[in-house]
PDB file of N, CA and C in Angstrom:
ATOM      1  N   THR A   1      -2.631  -0.063 -14.037  1.00  0.00           N
ATOM      2  CA  THR A   1      -3.155  -0.278 -12.704  1.00  0.00           C
ATOM      3  C   THR A   1      -3.579  -1.732 -12.565  1.00  0.00           C
ATOM      4  N   VAL A   2      -3.268  -2.310 -11.424  1.00  0.00           N
ATOM      5  CA  VAL A   2      -3.666  -3.677 -11.112  1.00  0.00           C
ATOM      6  C   VAL A   2      -4.833  -3.597 -10.148  1.00  0.00           C
ATOM      7  N   THR A   3      -5.915  -4.318 -10.463  1.00  0.00           N
ATOM      8  CA  THR A   3      -7.095  -4.345  -9.607  1.00  0.00           C
ATOM      9  C   THR A   3      -7.311  -5.759  -9.095  1.00  0.00           C
ATOM     10  N   ILE A   4      -7.385  -5.895  -7.788  1.00  0.00           N
ATOM     11  CA  ILE A   4      -7.717  -7.182  -7.173  1.00  0.00           C
ATOM     12  C   ILE A   4      -9.230  -7.211  -7.042  1.00  0.00           C
ATOM     13  N   SER A   5      -9.879  -8.103  -7.785  1.00  0.00           N
ATOM     14  CA  SER A   5     -11.338  -8.145  -7.793  1.00  0.00           C
ATOM     15  C   SER A   5     -11.891  -8.632  -6.453  1.00  0.00           C
ATOM     16  N   GLU A   6     -13.177  -8.420  -6.239  1.00  0.00           N
ATOM     17  CA  GLU A   6     -13.825  -8.744  -4.970  1.00  0.00           C
ATOM     18  C   GLU A   6     -13.656 -10.201  -4.564  1.00  0.00           C
ATOM     19  N   SER A   7     -13.590 -11.087  -5.513  1.00  0.00           N
ATOM     20  CA  SER A   7     -13.487 -12.515  -5.190  1.00  0.00           C
ATOM     21  C   SER A   7     -12.039 -13.022  -5.207  1.00  0.00           C
ATOM     22  N   ALA A   8     -11.083 -12.111  -5.413  1.00  0.00           N
ATOM     23  CA  ALA A   8      -9.677 -12.528  -5.549  1.00  0.00           C
ATOM     24  C   ALA A   8      -8.861 -12.187  -4.315  1.00  0.00           C
ATOM     25  N   ARG A   9      -7.746 -12.903  -4.182  1.00  0.00           N
ATOM     26  CA  ARG A   9      -6.799 -12.688  -3.083  1.00  0.00           C
ATOM     27  C   ARG A   9      -5.402 -12.668  -3.682  1.00  0.00           C
ATOM     28  N   LEU A  10      -4.648 -11.595  -3.405  1.00  0.00           N
ATOM     29  CA  LEU A  10      -3.266 -11.488  -3.862  1.00  0.00           C
ATOM     30  C   LEU A  10      -2.360 -11.610  -2.647  1.00  0.00           C
ATOM     31  N   VAL A  11      -1.423 -12.572  -2.702  1.00  0.00           N
ATOM     32  CA  VAL A  11      -0.456 -12.769  -1.634  1.00  0.00           C
ATOM     33  C   VAL A  11       0.911 -12.398  -2.198  1.00  0.00           C
ATOM     34  N   ILE A  12       1.612 -11.491  -1.521  1.00  0.00           N
ATOM     35  CA  ILE A  12       2.947 -11.066  -1.940  1.00  0.00           C
ATOM     36  C   ILE A  12       3.931 -11.546  -0.888  1.00  0.00           C
ATOM     37  N   GLU A  13       4.977 -12.218  -1.340  1.00  0.00           N
ATOM     38  CA  GLU A  13       5.955 -12.810  -0.423  1.00  0.00           C
ATOM     39  C   GLU A  13       7.023 -11.808   0.004  1.00  0.00           C
ATOM     40  N   GLU A  14       7.666 -12.107   1.107  1.00  0.00           N
ATOM     41  CA  GLU A  14       8.706 -11.222   1.641  1.00  0.00           C
ATOM     42  C   GLU A  14       9.818 -11.010   0.625  1.00  0.00           C
ATOM     43  N   GLY A  15      10.380  -9.802   0.646  1.00  0.00           N
ATOM     44  CA  GLY A  15      11.495  -9.467  -0.231  1.00  0.00           C
ATOM     45  C   GLY A  15      11.105  -9.039  -1.634  1.00  0.00           C
ATOM     46  N   VAL A  16       9.842  -9.109  -1.988  1.00  0.00           N
ATOM     47  CA  VAL A  16       9.392  -8.755  -3.338  1.00  0.00           C
ATOM     48  C   VAL A  16       9.334  -7.233  -3.477  1.00  0.00           C
ATOM     49  N   GLN A  17       9.728  -6.739  -4.653  1.00  0.00           N
ATOM     50  CA  GLN A  17       9.561  -5.332  -4.991  1.00  0.00           C
ATOM     51  C   GLN A  17       8.475  -5.237  -6.051  1.00  0.00           C
ATOM     52  N   VAL A  18       7.470  -4.419  -5.799  1.00  0.00           N
ATOM     53  CA  VAL A  18       6.382  -4.191  -6.745  1.00  0.00           C
ATOM     54  C   VAL A  18       6.570  -2.774  -7.262  1.00  0.00           C
ATOM     55  N   ARG A  19       6.828  -2.647  -8.562  1.00  0.00           N
ATOM     56  CA  ARG A  19       7.141  -1.341  -9.165  1.00  0.00           C
ATOM     57  C   ARG A  19       6.035  -0.919 -10.118  1.00  0.00           C
ATOM     58  N   PHE A  20       5.672   0.370 -10.049  1.00  0.00           N
ATOM     59  CA  PHE A  20       4.565   0.899 -10.844  1.00  0.00           C
ATOM     60  C   PHE A  20       5.043   2.020 -11.747  1.00  0.00           C
ATOM     61  N   ASP A  21       4.523   2.032 -12.975  1.00  0.00           N
ATOM     62  CA  ASP A  21       4.749   3.138 -13.896  1.00  0.00           C
ATOM     63  C   ASP A  21       3.863   4.310 -13.484  1.00  0.00           C
ATOM     64  N   GLY A  22       4.159   5.479 -14.016  1.00  0.00           N
ATOM     65  CA  GLY A  22       3.367   6.670 -13.735  1.00  0.00           C
ATOM     66  C   GLY A  22       1.910   6.472 -14.103  1.00  0.00           C
ATOM     67  N   GLY A  23       1.013   6.973 -13.281  1.00  0.00           N
ATOM     68  CA  GLY A  23      -0.409   6.859 -13.522  1.00  0.00           C
ATOM     69  C   GLY A  23      -1.014   5.522 -13.125  1.00  0.00           C
ATOM     70  N   CYS A  24      -0.188   4.609 -12.660  1.00  0.00           N
ATOM     71  CA  CYS A  24      -0.662   3.271 -12.281  1.00  0.00           C
ATOM     72  C   CYS A  24      -0.634   3.098 -10.767  1.00  0.00           C
ATOM     73  N   GLY A  25      -1.382   2.113 -10.291  1.00  0.00           N
ATOM     74  CA  GLY A  25      -1.418   1.830  -8.867  1.00  0.00           C
ATOM     75  C   GLY A  25      -2.009   0.463  -8.607  1.00  0.00           C
ATOM     76  N   LEU A  26      -2.344   0.220  -7.362  1.00  0.00           N
ATOM     77  CA  LEU A  26      -2.935  -1.048  -6.936  1.00  0.00           C
ATOM     78  C   LEU A  26      -4.282  -0.758  -6.280  1.00  0.00           C
ATOM     79  N   VAL A  27      -5.349  -1.311  -6.846  1.00  0.00           N
ATOM     80  CA  VAL A  27      -6.702  -1.131  -6.321  1.00  0.00           C
ATOM     81  C   VAL A  27      -7.121  -2.444  -5.682  1.00  0.00           C
ATOM     82  N   VAL A  28      -7.463  -2.389  -4.399  1.00  0.00           N
ATOM     83  CA  VAL A  28      -7.822  -3.599  -3.654  1.00  0.00           C
ATOM     84  C   VAL A  28      -9.329  -3.603  -3.424  1.00  0.00           C
ATOM     85  N   ASN A  29     -10.020  -4.429  -4.200  1.00  0.00           N
ATOM     86  CA  ASN A  29     -11.452  -4.647  -3.995  1.00  0.00           C
ATOM     87  C   ASN A  29     -11.691  -5.987  -3.310  1.00  0.00           C
ATOM     88  N   GLY A  30     -10.685  -6.838  -3.310  1.00  0.00           N
ATOM     89  CA  GLY A  30     -10.749  -8.149  -2.666  1.00  0.00           C
ATOM     90  C   GLY A  30      -9.807  -8.164  -1.479  1.00  0.00           C
ATOM     91  N   ALA A  31      -8.807  -9.046  -1.530  1.00  0.00           N
ATOM     92  CA  ALA A  31      -7.878  -9.197  -0.401  1.00  0.00           C
ATOM     93  C   ALA A  31      -6.430  -9.028  -0.849  1.00  0.00           C
ATOM     94  N   LEU A  32      -5.674  -8.257  -0.080  1.00  0.00           N
ATOM     95  CA  LEU A  32      -4.231  -8.114  -0.267  1.00  0.00           C
ATOM     96  C   LEU A  32      -3.560  -8.587   1.005  1.00  0.00           C
ATOM     97  N   ILE A  33      -2.669  -9.560   0.855  1.00  0.00           N
ATOM     98  CA  ILE A  33      -1.887 -10.070   1.977  1.00  0.00           C
ATOM     99  C   ILE A  33      -0.424  -9.875   1.610  1.00  0.00           C
ATOM    100  N   ALA A  34       0.200  -8.878   2.209  1.00  0.00           N
ATOM    101  CA  ALA A  34       1.595  -8.550   1.927  1.00  0.00           C
ATOM    102  C   ALA A  34       2.349  -8.577   3.254  1.00  0.00           C
ATOM    103  N   ILE A  35       2.976  -9.710   3.540  1.00  0.00           N
ATOM    104  CA  ILE A  35       3.684  -9.872   4.808  1.00  0.00           C
ATOM    105  C   ILE A  35       5.161 -10.095   4.513  1.00  0.00           C
ATOM    106  N   GLY A  36       5.943  -9.052   4.766  1.00  0.00           N
ATOM    107  CA  GLY A  36       7.382  -9.146   4.628  1.00  0.00           C
ATOM    108  C   GLY A  36       7.990  -9.483   5.972  1.00  0.00           C
ATOM    109  N   SER A  37       9.276  -9.208   6.101  1.00  0.00           N
ATOM    110  CA  SER A  37       9.965  -9.393   7.373  1.00  0.00           C
ATOM    111  C   SER A  37      10.882  -8.189   7.583  1.00  0.00           C
ATOM    112  N   ALA A  38      11.435  -8.067   8.770  1.00  0.00           N
ATOM    113  CA  ALA A  38      12.333  -6.947   9.050  1.00  0.00           C
ATOM    114  C   ALA A  38      13.532  -6.971   8.104  1.00  0.00           C
ATOM    115  N   ASN A  39      14.031  -8.152   7.785  1.00  0.00           N
ATOM    116  CA  ASN A  39      15.191  -8.288   6.899  1.00  0.00           C
ATOM    117  C   ASN A  39      14.826  -8.287   5.424  1.00  0.00           C
ATOM    118  N   LYS A  40      13.569  -8.650   5.102  1.00  0.00           N
ATOM    119  CA  LYS A  40      13.119  -8.718   3.716  1.00  0.00           C
ATOM    120  C   LYS A  40      11.745  -8.070   3.582  1.00  0.00           C
ATOM    121  N   PRO A  41      11.706  -6.717   3.659  1.00  0.00           N
ATOM    122  CA  PRO A  41      10.410  -6.052   3.525  1.00  0.00           C
ATOM    123  C   PRO A  41       9.898  -6.161   2.087  1.00  0.00           C
ATOM    124  N   ILE A  42       8.604  -5.986   1.934  1.00  0.00           N
ATOM    125  CA  ILE A  42       7.990  -5.875   0.616  1.00  0.00           C
ATOM    126  C   ILE A  42       7.982  -4.389   0.270  1.00  0.00           C
ATOM    127  N   VAL A  43       8.425  -4.050  -0.940  1.00  0.00           N
ATOM    128  CA  VAL A  43       8.536  -2.647  -1.336  1.00  0.00           C
ATOM    129  C   VAL A  43       7.559  -2.349  -2.469  1.00  0.00           C
ATOM    130  N   PHE A  44       6.716  -1.339  -2.259  1.00  0.00           N
ATOM    131  CA  PHE A  44       5.824  -0.820  -3.286  1.00  0.00           C
ATOM    132  C   PHE A  44       6.403   0.536  -3.681  1.00  0.00           C
ATOM    133  N   THR A  45       6.840   0.678  -4.931  1.00  0.00           N
ATOM    134  CA  THR A  45       7.572   1.874  -5.321  1.00  0.00           C
ATOM    135  C   THR A  45       7.385   2.182  -6.799  1.00  0.00           C
ATOM    136  N   SER A  46       8.053   3.214  -7.244  1.00  0.00           N
ATOM    137  CA  SER A  46       8.030   3.643  -8.638  1.00  0.00           C
ATOM    138  C   SER A  46       8.976   2.786  -9.482  1.00  0.00           C
ATOM    139  N   SER A  47       8.655   2.674 -10.763  1.00  0.00           N
ATOM    140  CA  SER A  47       9.545   1.965 -11.687  1.00  0.00           C
ATOM    141  C   SER A  47      10.604   2.900 -12.274  1.00  0.00           C
ATOM    142  N   ALA A  48      10.542   4.179 -11.947  1.00  0.00           N
ATOM    143  CA  ALA A  48      11.488   5.156 -12.489  1.00  0.00           C
ATOM    144  C   ALA A  48      12.906   4.902 -11.975  1.00  0.00           C
ATOM    145  N   THR A  49      13.872   5.178 -12.816  1.00  0.00           N
ATOM    146  CA  THR A  49      15.278   5.023 -12.429  1.00  0.00           C
ATOM    147  C   THR A  49      15.616   5.949 -11.269  1.00  0.00           C
ATOM    148  N   ILE A  50      15.150   7.185 -11.369  1.00  0.00           N
ATOM    149  CA  ILE A  50      15.308   8.151 -10.284  1.00  0.00           C
ATOM    150  C   ILE A  50      13.899   8.578  -9.883  1.00  0.00           C
ATOM    151  N   PRO A  51      13.299   7.914  -8.911  1.00  0.00           N
ATOM    152  CA  PRO A  51      11.901   8.206  -8.563  1.00  0.00           C
ATOM    153  C   PRO A  51      11.749   9.543  -7.837  1.00  0.00           C
ATOM    154  N   ALA A  52      10.570  10.107  -7.986  1.00  0.00           N
ATOM    155  CA  ALA A  52      10.224  11.348  -7.297  1.00  0.00           C
ATOM    156  C   ALA A  52       8.851  11.161  -6.655  1.00  0.00           C
ATOM    157  N   LYS A  53       8.543  11.972  -5.675  1.00  0.00           N
ATOM    158  CA  LYS A  53       7.224  11.925  -5.047  1.00  0.00           C
ATOM    159  C   LYS A  53       6.134  12.058  -6.107  1.00  0.00           C
ATOM    160  N   GLY A  54       5.127  11.217  -6.022  1.00  0.00           N
ATOM    161  CA  GLY A  54       4.004  11.284  -6.955  1.00  0.00           C
ATOM    162  C   GLY A  54       4.218  10.517  -8.245  1.00  0.00           C
ATOM    163  N   ALA A  55       5.226   9.667  -8.300  1.00  0.00           N
ATOM    164  CA  ALA A  55       5.571   8.953  -9.538  1.00  0.00           C
ATOM    165  C   ALA A  55       4.565   7.874  -9.925  1.00  0.00           C
ATOM    166  N   TRP A  56       3.746   7.402  -8.989  1.00  0.00           N
ATOM    167  CA  TRP A  56       2.699   6.418  -9.275  1.00  0.00           C
ATOM    168  C   TRP A  56       1.516   6.735  -8.381  1.00  0.00           C
ATOM    169  N   GLU A  57       0.410   6.044  -8.527  1.00  0.00           N
ATOM    170  CA  GLU A  57      -0.825   6.426  -7.827  1.00  0.00           C
ATOM    171  C   GLU A  57      -0.869   6.012  -6.355  1.00  0.00           C
ATOM    172  N   GLY A  58      -0.438   4.805  -6.022  1.00  0.00           N
ATOM    173  CA  GLY A  58      -0.489   4.328  -4.646  1.00  0.00           C
ATOM    174  C   GLY A  58      -1.377   3.111  -4.511  1.00  0.00           C
ATOM    175  N   ILE A  59      -1.620   2.705  -3.265  1.00  0.00           N
ATOM    176  CA  ILE A  59      -2.452   1.541  -2.952  1.00  0.00           C
ATOM    177  C   ILE A  59      -3.800   2.060  -2.451  1.00  0.00           C
ATOM    178  N   TYR A  60      -4.877   1.581  -3.064  1.00  0.00           N
ATOM    179  CA  TYR A  60      -6.222   2.033  -2.725  1.00  0.00           C
ATOM    180  C   TYR A  60      -7.055   0.854  -2.234  1.00  0.00           C
ATOM    181  N   PHE A  61      -7.519   0.935  -0.989  1.00  0.00           N
ATOM    182  CA  PHE A  61      -8.428  -0.055  -0.426  1.00  0.00           C
ATOM    183  C   PHE A  61      -9.839   0.516  -0.519  1.00  0.00           C
ATOM    184  N   GLY A  62     -10.697  -0.148  -1.288  1.00  0.00           N
ATOM    185  CA  GLY A  62     -12.063   0.316  -1.479  1.00  0.00           C
ATOM    186  C   GLY A  62     -13.048  -0.369  -0.556  1.00  0.00           C
ATOM    187  N   ASP A  63     -14.303   0.023  -0.671  1.00  0.00           N
ATOM    188  CA  ASP A  63     -15.378  -0.458   0.187  1.00  0.00           C
ATOM    189  C   ASP A  63     -15.521  -1.979   0.167  1.00  0.00           C
ATOM    190  N   SER A  64     -15.256  -2.595  -0.966  1.00  0.00           N
ATOM    191  CA  SER A  64     -15.442  -4.043  -1.064  1.00  0.00           C
ATOM    192  C   SER A  64     -14.204  -4.844  -0.652  1.00  0.00           C
ATOM    193  N   SER A  65     -13.128  -4.160  -0.247  1.00  0.00           N
ATOM    194  CA  SER A  65     -11.942  -4.914   0.189  1.00  0.00           C
ATOM    195  C   SER A  65     -12.288  -5.717   1.444  1.00  0.00           C
ATOM    196  N   GLN A  66     -11.639  -6.837   1.595  1.00  0.00           N
ATOM    197  CA  GLN A  66     -11.933  -7.760   2.690  1.00  0.00           C
ATOM    198  C   GLN A  66     -11.124  -7.362   3.929  1.00  0.00           C
ATOM    199  N   ASP A  67     -11.720  -6.494   4.758  1.00  0.00           N
ATOM    200  CA  ASP A  67     -11.025  -5.923   5.912  1.00  0.00           C
ATOM    201  C   ASP A  67     -10.409  -6.974   6.830  1.00  0.00           C
ATOM    202  N   GLU A  68     -11.108  -8.064   7.053  1.00  0.00           N
ATOM    203  CA  GLU A  68     -10.623  -9.083   7.989  1.00  0.00           C
ATOM    204  C   GLU A  68      -9.386  -9.814   7.463  1.00  0.00           C
ATOM    205  N   VAL A  69      -9.079  -9.685   6.170  1.00  0.00           N
ATOM    206  CA  VAL A  69      -7.965 -10.402   5.566  1.00  0.00           C
ATOM    207  C   VAL A  69      -6.828  -9.463   5.148  1.00  0.00           C
ATOM    208  N   CYS A  70      -7.155  -8.242   4.728  1.00  0.00           N
ATOM    209  CA  CYS A  70      -6.150  -7.322   4.171  1.00  0.00           C
ATOM    210  C   CYS A  70      -5.126  -6.909   5.219  1.00  0.00           C
ATOM    211  N   ILE A  71      -3.847  -7.107   4.856  1.00  0.00           N
ATOM    212  CA  ILE A  71      -2.765  -6.760   5.772  1.00  0.00           C
ATOM    213  C   ILE A  71      -1.515  -6.347   5.005  1.00  0.00           C
ATOM    214  N   LEU A  72      -0.879  -5.304   5.497  1.00  0.00           N
ATOM    215  CA  LEU A  72       0.454  -4.901   5.059  1.00  0.00           C
ATOM    216  C   LEU A  72       1.332  -4.978   6.305  1.00  0.00           C
ATOM    217  N   GLU A  73       2.325  -5.824   6.278  1.00  0.00           N
ATOM    218  CA  GLU A  73       3.225  -5.969   7.415  1.00  0.00           C
ATOM    219  C   GLU A  73       4.659  -6.005   6.910  1.00  0.00           C
ATOM    220  N   HIS A  74       5.507  -5.196   7.533  1.00  0.00           N
ATOM    221  CA  HIS A  74       6.899  -5.047   7.086  1.00  0.00           C
ATOM    222  C   HIS A  74       6.946  -4.699   5.600  1.00  0.00           C
ATOM    223  N   CYS A  75       6.222  -3.625   5.252  1.00  0.00           N
ATOM    224  CA  CYS A  75       6.194  -3.128   3.881  1.00  0.00           C
ATOM    225  C   CYS A  75       6.757  -1.712   3.831  1.00  0.00           C
ATOM    226  N   ILE A  76       7.220  -1.329   2.661  1.00  0.00           N
ATOM    227  CA  ILE A  76       7.639   0.043   2.396  1.00  0.00           C
ATOM    228  C   ILE A  76       6.786   0.531   1.233  1.00  0.00           C
ATOM    229  N   VAL A  77       6.119   1.673   1.417  1.00  0.00           N
ATOM    230  CA  VAL A  77       5.318   2.286   0.361  1.00  0.00           C
ATOM    231  C   VAL A  77       5.899   3.676   0.142  1.00  0.00           C
ATOM    232  N   GLU A  78       6.399   3.925  -1.092  1.00  0.00           N
ATOM    233  CA  GLU A  78       7.116   5.177  -1.326  1.00  0.00           C
ATOM    234  C   GLU A  78       6.891   5.719  -2.742  1.00  0.00           C
ATOM    235  N   TYR A  79       7.039   7.036  -2.869  1.00  0.00           N
ATOM    236  CA  TYR A  79       7.011   7.775  -4.134  1.00  0.00           C
ATOM    237  C   TYR A  79       5.663   7.770  -4.856  1.00  0.00           C
ATOM    238  N   ALA A  80       4.580   7.580  -4.137  1.00  0.00           N
ATOM    239  CA  ALA A  80       3.242   7.594  -4.749  1.00  0.00           C
ATOM    240  C   ALA A  80       2.590   8.973  -4.596  1.00  0.00           C
ATOM    241  N   GLN A  81       1.453   9.160  -5.263  1.00  0.00           N
ATOM    242  CA  GLN A  81       0.624  10.349  -5.024  1.00  0.00           C
ATOM    243  C   GLN A  81       0.118  10.299  -3.579  1.00  0.00           C
ATOM    244  N   VAL A  82      -0.573   9.212  -3.251  1.00  0.00           N
ATOM    245  CA  VAL A  82      -1.026   8.914  -1.894  1.00  0.00           C
ATOM    246  C   VAL A  82      -0.533   7.500  -1.601  1.00  0.00           C
ATOM    247  N   GLY A  83       0.281   7.337  -0.575  1.00  0.00           N
ATOM    248  CA  GLY A  83       0.854   6.023  -0.296  1.00  0.00           C
ATOM    249  C   GLY A  83      -0.206   4.949  -0.154  1.00  0.00           C
ATOM    250  N   ILE A  84      -1.086   5.112   0.834  1.00  0.00           N
ATOM    251  CA  ILE A  84      -2.177   4.164   1.077  1.00  0.00           C
ATOM    252  C   ILE A  84      -3.449   4.970   1.318  1.00  0.00           C
ATOM    253  N   ARG A  85      -4.465   4.655   0.542  1.00  0.00           N
ATOM    254  CA  ARG A  85      -5.755   5.338   0.711  1.00  0.00           C
ATOM    255  C   ARG A  85      -6.797   4.304   1.092  1.00  0.00           C
ATOM    256  N   CYS A  86      -7.532   4.600   2.147  1.00  0.00           N
ATOM    257  CA  CYS A  86      -8.608   3.716   2.621  1.00  0.00           C
ATOM    258  C   CYS A  86      -9.918   4.486   2.517  1.00  0.00           C
ATOM    259  N   ARG A  87     -10.848   3.958   1.737  1.00  0.00           N
ATOM    260  CA  ARG A  87     -12.167   4.584   1.619  1.00  0.00           C
ATOM    261  C   ARG A  87     -13.214   3.530   1.932  1.00  0.00           C
ATOM    262  N   TYR A  88     -13.863   3.686   3.078  1.00  0.00           N
ATOM    263  CA  TYR A  88     -14.799   2.683   3.590  1.00  0.00           C
ATOM    264  C   TYR A  88     -14.094   1.330   3.720  1.00  0.00           C
ATOM    265  N   ALA A  89     -12.838   1.356   4.125  1.00  0.00           N
ATOM    266  CA  ALA A  89     -12.042   0.131   4.246  1.00  0.00           C
ATOM    267  C   ALA A  89     -11.150   0.241   5.479  1.00  0.00           C
ATOM    268  N   SER A  90     -10.850  -0.884   6.077  1.00  0.00           N
ATOM    269  CA  SER A  90     -10.065  -0.882   7.315  1.00  0.00           C
ATOM    270  C   SER A  90      -9.042  -2.018   7.331  1.00  0.00           C
ATOM    271  N   PRO A  91      -7.988  -1.895   6.504  1.00  0.00           N
ATOM    272  CA  PRO A  91      -6.942  -2.925   6.513  1.00  0.00           C
ATOM    273  C   PRO A  91      -6.078  -2.812   7.763  1.00  0.00           C
ATOM    274  N   LYS A  92      -5.228  -3.800   7.964  1.00  0.00           N
ATOM    275  CA  LYS A  92      -4.244  -3.782   9.047  1.00  0.00           C
ATOM    276  C   LYS A  92      -2.899  -3.398   8.443  1.00  0.00           C
ATOM    277  N   ILE A  93      -2.227  -2.424   9.059  1.00  0.00           N
ATOM    278  CA  ILE A  93      -0.919  -1.981   8.581  1.00  0.00           C
ATOM    279  C   ILE A  93       0.015  -1.992   9.783  1.00  0.00           C
ATOM    280  N   PHE A  94       0.975  -2.910   9.761  1.00  0.00           N
ATOM    281  CA  PHE A  94       1.871  -3.120  10.900  1.00  0.00           C
ATOM    282  C   PHE A  94       3.338  -2.983  10.477  1.00  0.00           C
ATOM    283  N   ASP A  95       4.141  -2.402  11.358  1.00  0.00           N
ATOM    284  CA  ASP A  95       5.602  -2.397  11.212  1.00  0.00           C
ATOM    285  C   ASP A  95       6.061  -2.002   9.813  1.00  0.00           C
ATOM    286  N   SER A  96       5.419  -1.003   9.238  1.00  0.00           N
ATOM    287  CA  SER A  96       5.712  -0.603   7.869  1.00  0.00           C
ATOM    288  C   SER A  96       6.235   0.822   7.800  1.00  0.00           C
ATOM    289  N   ILE A  97       6.800   1.162   6.656  1.00  0.00           N
ATOM    290  CA  ILE A  97       7.328   2.503   6.393  1.00  0.00           C
ATOM    291  C   ILE A  97       6.549   3.076   5.227  1.00  0.00           C
ATOM    292  N   VAL A  98       5.982   4.263   5.427  1.00  0.00           N
ATOM    293  CA  VAL A  98       5.258   4.966   4.370  1.00  0.00           C
ATOM    294  C   VAL A  98       5.954   6.315   4.249  1.00  0.00           C
ATOM    295  N   ARG A  99       6.680   6.510   3.139  1.00  0.00           N
ATOM    296  CA  ARG A  99       7.550   7.696   3.051  1.00  0.00           C
ATOM    297  C   ARG A  99       7.592   8.269   1.628  1.00  0.00           C
ATOM    298  N   GLU A 100       7.960   9.541   1.569  1.00  0.00           N
ATOM    299  CA  GLU A 100       8.237  10.224   0.303  1.00  0.00           C
ATOM    300  C   GLU A 100       7.075  10.185  -0.684  1.00  0.00           C
ATOM    301  N   ASN A 101       5.833  10.253  -0.168  1.00  0.00           N
ATOM    302  CA  ASN A 101       4.661  10.314  -1.037  1.00  0.00           C
ATOM    303  C   ASN A 101       4.229  11.771  -1.189  1.00  0.00           C
ATOM    304  N   LEU A 102       3.658  12.111  -2.327  1.00  0.00           N
ATOM    305  CA  LEU A 102       3.404  13.512  -2.655  1.00  0.00           C
ATOM    306  C   LEU A 102       2.343  14.165  -1.779  1.00  0.00           C
ATOM    307  N   GLN A 103       1.180  13.546  -1.638  1.00  0.00           N
ATOM    308  CA  GLN A 103       0.089  14.202  -0.926  1.00  0.00           C
ATOM    309  C   GLN A 103      -0.050  13.708   0.507  1.00  0.00           C
ATOM    310  N   TYR A 104      -0.286  12.438   0.669  1.00  0.00           N
ATOM    311  CA  TYR A 104      -0.486  11.859   1.997  1.00  0.00           C
ATOM    312  C   TYR A 104       0.295  10.547   2.097  1.00  0.00           C
ATOM    313  N   GLY A 105       0.700  10.233   3.316  1.00  0.00           N
ATOM    314  CA  GLY A 105       1.258   8.907   3.560  1.00  0.00           C
ATOM    315  C   GLY A 105       0.128   7.899   3.610  1.00  0.00           C
ATOM    316  N   ILE A 106      -0.815   8.145   4.535  1.00  0.00           N
ATOM    317  CA  ILE A 106      -2.012   7.316   4.651  1.00  0.00           C
ATOM    318  C   ILE A 106      -3.212   8.258   4.748  1.00  0.00           C
ATOM    319  N   ARG A 107      -4.175   8.055   3.871  1.00  0.00           N
ATOM    320  CA  ARG A 107      -5.396   8.865   3.890  1.00  0.00           C
ATOM    321  C   ARG A 107      -6.578   7.948   4.160  1.00  0.00           C
ATOM    322  N   CYS A 108      -7.367   8.293   5.177  1.00  0.00           N
ATOM    323  CA  CYS A 108      -8.512   7.471   5.567  1.00  0.00           C
ATOM    324  C   CYS A 108      -9.790   8.286   5.441  1.00  0.00           C
ATOM    325  N   GLU A 109     -10.762   7.729   4.714  1.00  0.00           N
ATOM    326  CA  GLU A 109     -12.064   8.359   4.545  1.00  0.00           C
ATOM    327  C   GLU A 109     -13.124   7.356   4.991  1.00  0.00           C
ATOM    328  N   ASP A 110     -13.837   7.672   6.058  1.00  0.00           N
ATOM    329  CA  ASP A 110     -14.851   6.772   6.605  1.00  0.00           C
ATOM    330  C   ASP A 110     -14.278   5.372   6.812  1.00  0.00           C
ATOM    331  N   SER A 111     -13.098   5.321   7.400  1.00  0.00           N
ATOM    332  CA  SER A 111     -12.355   4.069   7.586  1.00  0.00           C
ATOM    333  C   SER A 111     -11.775   3.999   8.984  1.00  0.00           C
ATOM    334  N   SER A 112     -11.471   2.786   9.418  1.00  0.00           N
ATOM    335  CA  SER A 112     -10.837   2.569  10.719  1.00  0.00           C
ATOM    336  C   SER A 112      -9.743   1.515  10.596  1.00  0.00           C
ATOM    337  N   PRO A 113      -8.678   1.827   9.844  1.00  0.00           N
ATOM    338  CA  PRO A 113      -7.617   0.835   9.727  1.00  0.00           C
ATOM    339  C   PRO A 113      -6.917   0.641  11.069  1.00  0.00           C
ATOM    340  N   ILE A 114      -6.269  -0.487  11.226  1.00  0.00           N
ATOM    341  CA  ILE A 114      -5.478  -0.753  12.420  1.00  0.00           C
ATOM    342  C   ILE A 114      -4.032  -0.448  12.057  1.00  0.00           C
ATOM    343  N   LEU A 115      -3.462   0.573  12.689  1.00  0.00           N
ATOM    344  CA  LEU A 115      -2.100   1.023  12.401  1.00  0.00           C
ATOM    345  C   LEU A 115      -1.251   0.805  13.647  1.00  0.00           C
ATOM    346  N   ILE A 116      -0.236  -0.052  13.562  1.00  0.00           N
ATOM    347  CA  ILE A 116       0.610  -0.335  14.709  1.00  0.00           C
ATOM    348  C   ILE A 116       2.083  -0.343  14.287  1.00  0.00           C
ATOM    349  N   HIS A 117       2.899   0.433  15.005  1.00  0.00           N
ATOM    350  CA  HIS A 117       4.355   0.485  14.829  1.00  0.00           C
ATOM    351  C   HIS A 117       4.777   0.825  13.409  1.00  0.00           C
ATOM    352  N   ASN A 118       4.217   1.880  12.847  1.00  0.00           N
ATOM    353  CA  ASN A 118       4.574   2.321  11.508  1.00  0.00           C
ATOM    354  C   ASN A 118       5.401   3.586  11.580  1.00  0.00           C
ATOM    355  N   ASN A 119       6.201   3.809  10.558  1.00  0.00           N
ATOM    356  CA  ASN A 119       6.970   5.036  10.407  1.00  0.00           C
ATOM    357  C   ASN A 119       6.419   5.749   9.173  1.00  0.00           C
ATOM    358  N   ILE A 120       5.739   6.866   9.398  1.00  0.00           N
ATOM    359  CA  ILE A 120       5.116   7.619   8.311  1.00  0.00           C
ATOM    360  C   ILE A 120       5.826   8.971   8.263  1.00  0.00           C
ATOM    361  N   SER A 121       6.583   9.221   7.174  1.00  0.00           N
ATOM    362  CA  SER A 121       7.413  10.439   7.151  1.00  0.00           C
ATOM    363  C   SER A 121       7.600  10.997   5.746  1.00  0.00           C
ATOM    364  N   GLU A 122       7.911  12.285   5.706  1.00  0.00           N
ATOM    365  CA  GLU A 122       8.259  13.003   4.473  1.00  0.00           C
ATOM    366  C   GLU A 122       7.177  12.900   3.407  1.00  0.00           C
ATOM    367  N   ASN A 123       5.919  12.970   3.835  1.00  0.00           N
ATOM    368  CA  ASN A 123       4.807  12.951   2.890  1.00  0.00           C
ATOM    369  C   ASN A 123       4.247  14.367   2.774  1.00  0.00           C
TER     370      ASN A 123
END
């Protein structure tokens, strides 16, 4: 699992694929800036050759994540337990695809994320 600490900022460039082994995920306690494009989305997925739903943990935005900075735009999140989980966090998620996750596409607990033009399916 990769954890972005409260004082850190991770920027992911368009076209990048971020692959996770089973039991691993991305924990955002600081800032995540993942801005892809329509032609070059950023993909968060399983490292398995033939992935299945629930193959990795997913992206978790915690209470200390920097809401005013955190953004997923033109991203694909797939094959996780929970694609994106927000707990006391409110990231911006725009023009993204959240699909083929085992439990939830996006789960919000005491959160108010901004969700615009997303395709959330087969979760």
